Protein backbone atom coordinates (compact mmCIF):
# COMPACT_ATOMS: atom_id res chain seq x y z
CA UNK A 1 0.00 0.00 0.00
CA UNK A 2 1.35 3.42 -0.97
CA UNK A 3 1.46 6.12 1.65
CA UNK A 4 2.57 9.69 1.23
CA UNK A 5 3.65 11.67 4.25
CA UNK A 6 4.23 15.39 4.27
CA UNK A 7 6.33 17.14 6.87
CA UNK A 8 8.12 20.41 7.50
CA UNK A 9 5.18 22.70 8.06
CA UNK A 10 4.98 25.09 10.95
CA UNK A 11 4.32 28.61 12.15
CA UNK A 12 6.56 31.26 10.65
CA UNK A 13 6.55 35.00 10.24
CA UNK A 14 5.93 36.71 6.95
CA UNK A 15 9.04 36.71 4.83
CA UNK A 16 10.38 33.49 6.29
CA UNK A 17 11.25 30.28 4.51
CA UNK A 18 10.22 26.68 4.99
CA UNK A 19 11.07 23.41 3.32
CA UNK A 20 8.34 20.86 3.03
CA UNK A 21 9.04 17.20 2.42
CA UNK A 22 6.89 14.48 0.96
CA UNK A 23 8.08 10.96 1.51
CA UNK A 24 6.64 7.82 0.01
CA UNK A 25 6.38 4.33 1.32
CA UNK A 26 5.34 1.40 -0.75
CA UNK A 27 6.42 2.94 -4.02
CA UNK A 28 9.25 5.05 -5.28
CA UNK A 29 8.63 8.45 -6.83
CA UNK A 30 10.82 7.51 -9.76
CA UNK A 31 8.82 7.57 -12.97
CA UNK A 32 5.90 9.46 -11.48
CA UNK A 33 4.76 13.03 -11.54
CA UNK A 34 4.49 14.53 -8.07
CA UNK A 35 2.45 17.62 -7.33
CA UNK A 36 2.10 19.95 -4.37
CA UNK A 37 -1.26 21.49 -3.63
CA UNK A 38 -2.55 23.66 -0.84
CA UNK A 39 -5.89 24.45 0.67
CA UNK A 40 -6.35 27.64 2.61
CA UNK A 41 -9.15 27.91 5.17
CA UNK A 42 -12.48 28.33 3.42
CA UNK A 43 -10.98 28.02 -0.04
CA UNK A 44 -10.66 25.42 -2.74
CA UNK A 45 -7.56 23.33 -3.08
CA UNK A 46 -5.12 24.91 -5.50
CA UNK A 47 -2.15 23.76 -7.48
CA UNK A 48 1.22 24.97 -6.23
CA UNK A 49 4.00 23.14 -8.06
CA UNK A 50 4.69 19.97 -9.98
CA UNK A 51 7.71 17.86 -10.74
CA UNK A 52 6.93 15.74 -13.76
CA UNK A 53 8.21 12.25 -14.37
CA UNK A 54 10.31 13.76 -17.17
CA UNK A 55 12.07 16.14 -14.83
CA UNK A 56 10.17 19.29 -15.69
CA UNK A 57 8.87 21.66 -13.08
CA UNK A 58 5.98 24.09 -13.16
CA UNK A 59 4.60 26.54 -10.66
CA UNK A 60 1.51 28.54 -10.08
CA UNK A 61 2.18 32.17 -10.94
CA UNK A 62 2.02 33.46 -7.40
CA UNK A 63 4.92 31.31 -6.21
CA UNK A 64 7.12 31.48 -9.29
CA UNK A 65 10.60 32.56 -8.26
CA UNK A 66 9.98 31.94 -4.56
CA UNK A 67 9.19 28.24 -4.40
CA UNK A 68 11.30 25.39 -5.70
CA UNK A 69 10.16 21.82 -6.11
CA UNK A 70 12.83 19.16 -6.22
CA UNK A 71 13.00 15.43 -5.86
CA UNK A 72 15.39 12.87 -4.58
CA UNK A 73 14.17 9.62 -6.02
CA UNK A 74 16.86 7.66 -4.21
CA UNK A 75 15.55 9.02 -0.91
CA UNK A 76 11.96 8.73 -2.09
CA UNK A 77 11.36 12.33 -1.13
CA UNK A 78 10.03 15.36 -2.93
CA UNK A 79 10.73 18.77 -1.48
CA UNK A 80 9.01 22.11 -1.71
CA UNK A 81 11.28 24.92 -0.68
CA UNK A 82 9.31 28.05 0.03
CA UNK A 83 10.74 31.50 0.58
CA UNK A 84 9.32 34.94 1.29
CA UNK A 85 6.14 33.43 2.60
CA UNK A 86 3.18 35.69 3.12
CA UNK A 87 0.11 35.27 5.35
CA UNK A 88 -2.13 34.50 2.38
CA UNK A 89 -0.14 31.31 1.94
CA UNK A 90 -1.36 29.93 5.22
CA UNK A 91 -2.79 26.58 4.22
CA UNK A 92 -2.59 22.87 4.51
CA UNK A 93 -0.07 21.65 1.97
CA UNK A 94 -0.51 18.28 0.32
CA UNK A 95 1.52 16.17 -2.03
CA UNK A 96 -0.03 13.96 -4.67
CA UNK A 97 1.31 11.14 -6.78
CA UNK A 98 -0.75 9.01 -9.12
CA UNK A 99 -4.00 8.55 -7.22
CA UNK A 100 -2.44 8.93 -3.81
CA UNK A 101 -2.63 11.86 -1.42
CA UNK A 102 -0.81 12.60 1.76
CA UNK A 103 -2.57 13.86 4.86
CA UNK A 104 -0.98 17.28 4.62
CA UNK A 105 1.26 19.52 6.63
CA UNK A 106 0.05 22.84 8.01
CA UNK A 107 1.85 26.03 7.11
CA UNK A 108 0.86 29.13 9.04
CA UNK A 109 2.36 32.47 8.18
CA UNK A 110 1.84 35.27 10.65
CA UNK A 111 1.85 38.93 9.66
C-alpha atoms as a PDB file:
ATOM      1  CA  UNK A   1       0.000   0.000   0.000  1.00  0.00           C
ATOM      2  CA  UNK A   2       1.345   3.418  -0.970  1.00  0.00           C
ATOM      3  CA  UNK A   3       1.462   6.124   1.646  1.00  0.00           C
ATOM      4  CA  UNK A   4       2.571   9.691   1.235  1.00  0.00           C
ATOM      5  CA  UNK A   5       3.652  11.668   4.248  1.00  0.00           C
ATOM      6  CA  UNK A   6       4.230  15.393   4.267  1.00  0.00           C
ATOM      7  CA  UNK A   7       6.332  17.140   6.875  1.00  0.00           C
ATOM      8  CA  UNK A   8       8.115  20.407   7.495  1.00  0.00           C
ATOM      9  CA  UNK A   9       5.179  22.702   8.060  1.00  0.00           C
ATOM     10  CA  UNK A  10       4.979  25.092  10.948  1.00  0.00           C
ATOM     11  CA  UNK A  11       4.322  28.605  12.150  1.00  0.00           C
ATOM     12  CA  UNK A  12       6.556  31.261  10.654  1.00  0.00           C
ATOM     13  CA  UNK A  13       6.553  34.998  10.244  1.00  0.00           C
ATOM     14  CA  UNK A  14       5.926  36.713   6.951  1.00  0.00           C
ATOM     15  CA  UNK A  15       9.042  36.708   4.831  1.00  0.00           C
ATOM     16  CA  UNK A  16      10.385  33.485   6.288  1.00  0.00           C
ATOM     17  CA  UNK A  17      11.249  30.277   4.507  1.00  0.00           C
ATOM     18  CA  UNK A  18      10.223  26.675   4.988  1.00  0.00           C
ATOM     19  CA  UNK A  19      11.070  23.414   3.324  1.00  0.00           C
ATOM     20  CA  UNK A  20       8.344  20.855   3.035  1.00  0.00           C
ATOM     21  CA  UNK A  21       9.039  17.204   2.417  1.00  0.00           C
ATOM     22  CA  UNK A  22       6.888  14.483   0.957  1.00  0.00           C
ATOM     23  CA  UNK A  23       8.078  10.956   1.509  1.00  0.00           C
ATOM     24  CA  UNK A  24       6.642   7.821   0.007  1.00  0.00           C
ATOM     25  CA  UNK A  25       6.381   4.334   1.322  1.00  0.00           C
ATOM     26  CA  UNK A  26       5.338   1.404  -0.745  1.00  0.00           C
ATOM     27  CA  UNK A  27       6.416   2.938  -4.023  1.00  0.00           C
ATOM     28  CA  UNK A  28       9.249   5.045  -5.284  1.00  0.00           C
ATOM     29  CA  UNK A  29       8.628   8.451  -6.833  1.00  0.00           C
ATOM     30  CA  UNK A  30      10.818   7.506  -9.757  1.00  0.00           C
ATOM     31  CA  UNK A  31       8.818   7.574 -12.972  1.00  0.00           C
ATOM     32  CA  UNK A  32       5.901   9.460 -11.478  1.00  0.00           C
ATOM     33  CA  UNK A  33       4.760  13.033 -11.544  1.00  0.00           C
ATOM     34  CA  UNK A  34       4.491  14.529  -8.075  1.00  0.00           C
ATOM     35  CA  UNK A  35       2.455  17.615  -7.332  1.00  0.00           C
ATOM     36  CA  UNK A  36       2.100  19.950  -4.372  1.00  0.00           C
ATOM     37  CA  UNK A  37      -1.262  21.490  -3.634  1.00  0.00           C
ATOM     38  CA  UNK A  38      -2.546  23.661  -0.840  1.00  0.00           C
ATOM     39  CA  UNK A  39      -5.891  24.450   0.668  1.00  0.00           C
ATOM     40  CA  UNK A  40      -6.352  27.642   2.610  1.00  0.00           C
ATOM     41  CA  UNK A  41      -9.150  27.910   5.173  1.00  0.00           C
ATOM     42  CA  UNK A  42     -12.479  28.325   3.420  1.00  0.00           C
ATOM     43  CA  UNK A  43     -10.982  28.018  -0.041  1.00  0.00           C
ATOM     44  CA  UNK A  44     -10.664  25.416  -2.735  1.00  0.00           C
ATOM     45  CA  UNK A  45      -7.564  23.331  -3.082  1.00  0.00           C
ATOM     46  CA  UNK A  46      -5.121  24.908  -5.500  1.00  0.00           C
ATOM     47  CA  UNK A  47      -2.146  23.759  -7.479  1.00  0.00           C
ATOM     48  CA  UNK A  48       1.219  24.970  -6.227  1.00  0.00           C
ATOM     49  CA  UNK A  49       3.996  23.142  -8.063  1.00  0.00           C
ATOM     50  CA  UNK A  50       4.690  19.974  -9.983  1.00  0.00           C
ATOM     51  CA  UNK A  51       7.711  17.856 -10.740  1.00  0.00           C
ATOM     52  CA  UNK A  52       6.934  15.737 -13.757  1.00  0.00           C
ATOM     53  CA  UNK A  53       8.211  12.254 -14.371  1.00  0.00           C
ATOM     54  CA  UNK A  54      10.310  13.756 -17.169  1.00  0.00           C
ATOM     55  CA  UNK A  55      12.068  16.143 -14.830  1.00  0.00           C
ATOM     56  CA  UNK A  56      10.168  19.285 -15.693  1.00  0.00           C
ATOM     57  CA  UNK A  57       8.865  21.661 -13.076  1.00  0.00           C
ATOM     58  CA  UNK A  58       5.979  24.094 -13.163  1.00  0.00           C
ATOM     59  CA  UNK A  59       4.597  26.538 -10.655  1.00  0.00           C
ATOM     60  CA  UNK A  60       1.508  28.544 -10.081  1.00  0.00           C
ATOM     61  CA  UNK A  61       2.183  32.166 -10.945  1.00  0.00           C
ATOM     62  CA  UNK A  62       2.019  33.464  -7.404  1.00  0.00           C
ATOM     63  CA  UNK A  63       4.923  31.313  -6.208  1.00  0.00           C
ATOM     64  CA  UNK A  64       7.124  31.485  -9.288  1.00  0.00           C
ATOM     65  CA  UNK A  65      10.604  32.563  -8.261  1.00  0.00           C
ATOM     66  CA  UNK A  66       9.982  31.939  -4.559  1.00  0.00           C
ATOM     67  CA  UNK A  67       9.189  28.235  -4.403  1.00  0.00           C
ATOM     68  CA  UNK A  68      11.296  25.390  -5.698  1.00  0.00           C
ATOM     69  CA  UNK A  69      10.162  21.818  -6.112  1.00  0.00           C
ATOM     70  CA  UNK A  70      12.831  19.158  -6.223  1.00  0.00           C
ATOM     71  CA  UNK A  71      12.995  15.431  -5.864  1.00  0.00           C
ATOM     72  CA  UNK A  72      15.394  12.867  -4.582  1.00  0.00           C
ATOM     73  CA  UNK A  73      14.174   9.618  -6.025  1.00  0.00           C
ATOM     74  CA  UNK A  74      16.863   7.657  -4.211  1.00  0.00           C
ATOM     75  CA  UNK A  75      15.552   9.021  -0.910  1.00  0.00           C
ATOM     76  CA  UNK A  76      11.962   8.730  -2.087  1.00  0.00           C
ATOM     77  CA  UNK A  77      11.363  12.327  -1.127  1.00  0.00           C
ATOM     78  CA  UNK A  78      10.030  15.355  -2.928  1.00  0.00           C
ATOM     79  CA  UNK A  79      10.733  18.768  -1.484  1.00  0.00           C
ATOM     80  CA  UNK A  80       9.011  22.109  -1.714  1.00  0.00           C
ATOM     81  CA  UNK A  81      11.283  24.922  -0.679  1.00  0.00           C
ATOM     82  CA  UNK A  82       9.310  28.053   0.029  1.00  0.00           C
ATOM     83  CA  UNK A  83      10.738  31.500   0.575  1.00  0.00           C
ATOM     84  CA  UNK A  84       9.319  34.940   1.289  1.00  0.00           C
ATOM     85  CA  UNK A  85       6.143  33.435   2.599  1.00  0.00           C
ATOM     86  CA  UNK A  86       3.177  35.693   3.119  1.00  0.00           C
ATOM     87  CA  UNK A  87       0.111  35.271   5.346  1.00  0.00           C
ATOM     88  CA  UNK A  88      -2.127  34.498   2.378  1.00  0.00           C
ATOM     89  CA  UNK A  89      -0.137  31.305   1.942  1.00  0.00           C
ATOM     90  CA  UNK A  90      -1.364  29.930   5.221  1.00  0.00           C
ATOM     91  CA  UNK A  91      -2.791  26.583   4.224  1.00  0.00           C
ATOM     92  CA  UNK A  92      -2.588  22.871   4.508  1.00  0.00           C
ATOM     93  CA  UNK A  93      -0.074  21.652   1.965  1.00  0.00           C
ATOM     94  CA  UNK A  94      -0.509  18.276   0.318  1.00  0.00           C
ATOM     95  CA  UNK A  95       1.525  16.165  -2.031  1.00  0.00           C
ATOM     96  CA  UNK A  96      -0.029  13.963  -4.667  1.00  0.00           C
ATOM     97  CA  UNK A  97       1.312  11.136  -6.784  1.00  0.00           C
ATOM     98  CA  UNK A  98      -0.748   9.008  -9.118  1.00  0.00           C
ATOM     99  CA  UNK A  99      -4.004   8.554  -7.223  1.00  0.00           C
ATOM    100  CA  UNK A 100      -2.435   8.926  -3.810  1.00  0.00           C
ATOM    101  CA  UNK A 101      -2.627  11.860  -1.423  1.00  0.00           C
ATOM    102  CA  UNK A 102      -0.806  12.604   1.756  1.00  0.00           C
ATOM    103  CA  UNK A 103      -2.566  13.860   4.865  1.00  0.00           C
ATOM    104  CA  UNK A 104      -0.983  17.277   4.621  1.00  0.00           C
ATOM    105  CA  UNK A 105       1.260  19.524   6.629  1.00  0.00           C
ATOM    106  CA  UNK A 106       0.052  22.841   8.009  1.00  0.00           C
ATOM    107  CA  UNK A 107       1.846  26.032   7.108  1.00  0.00           C
ATOM    108  CA  UNK A 108       0.859  29.126   9.040  1.00  0.00           C
ATOM    109  CA  UNK A 109       2.365  32.474   8.177  1.00  0.00           C
ATOM    110  CA  UNK A 110       1.837  35.268  10.647  1.00  0.00           C
ATOM    111  CA  UNK A 111       1.855  38.926   9.656  1.00  0.00           C
END
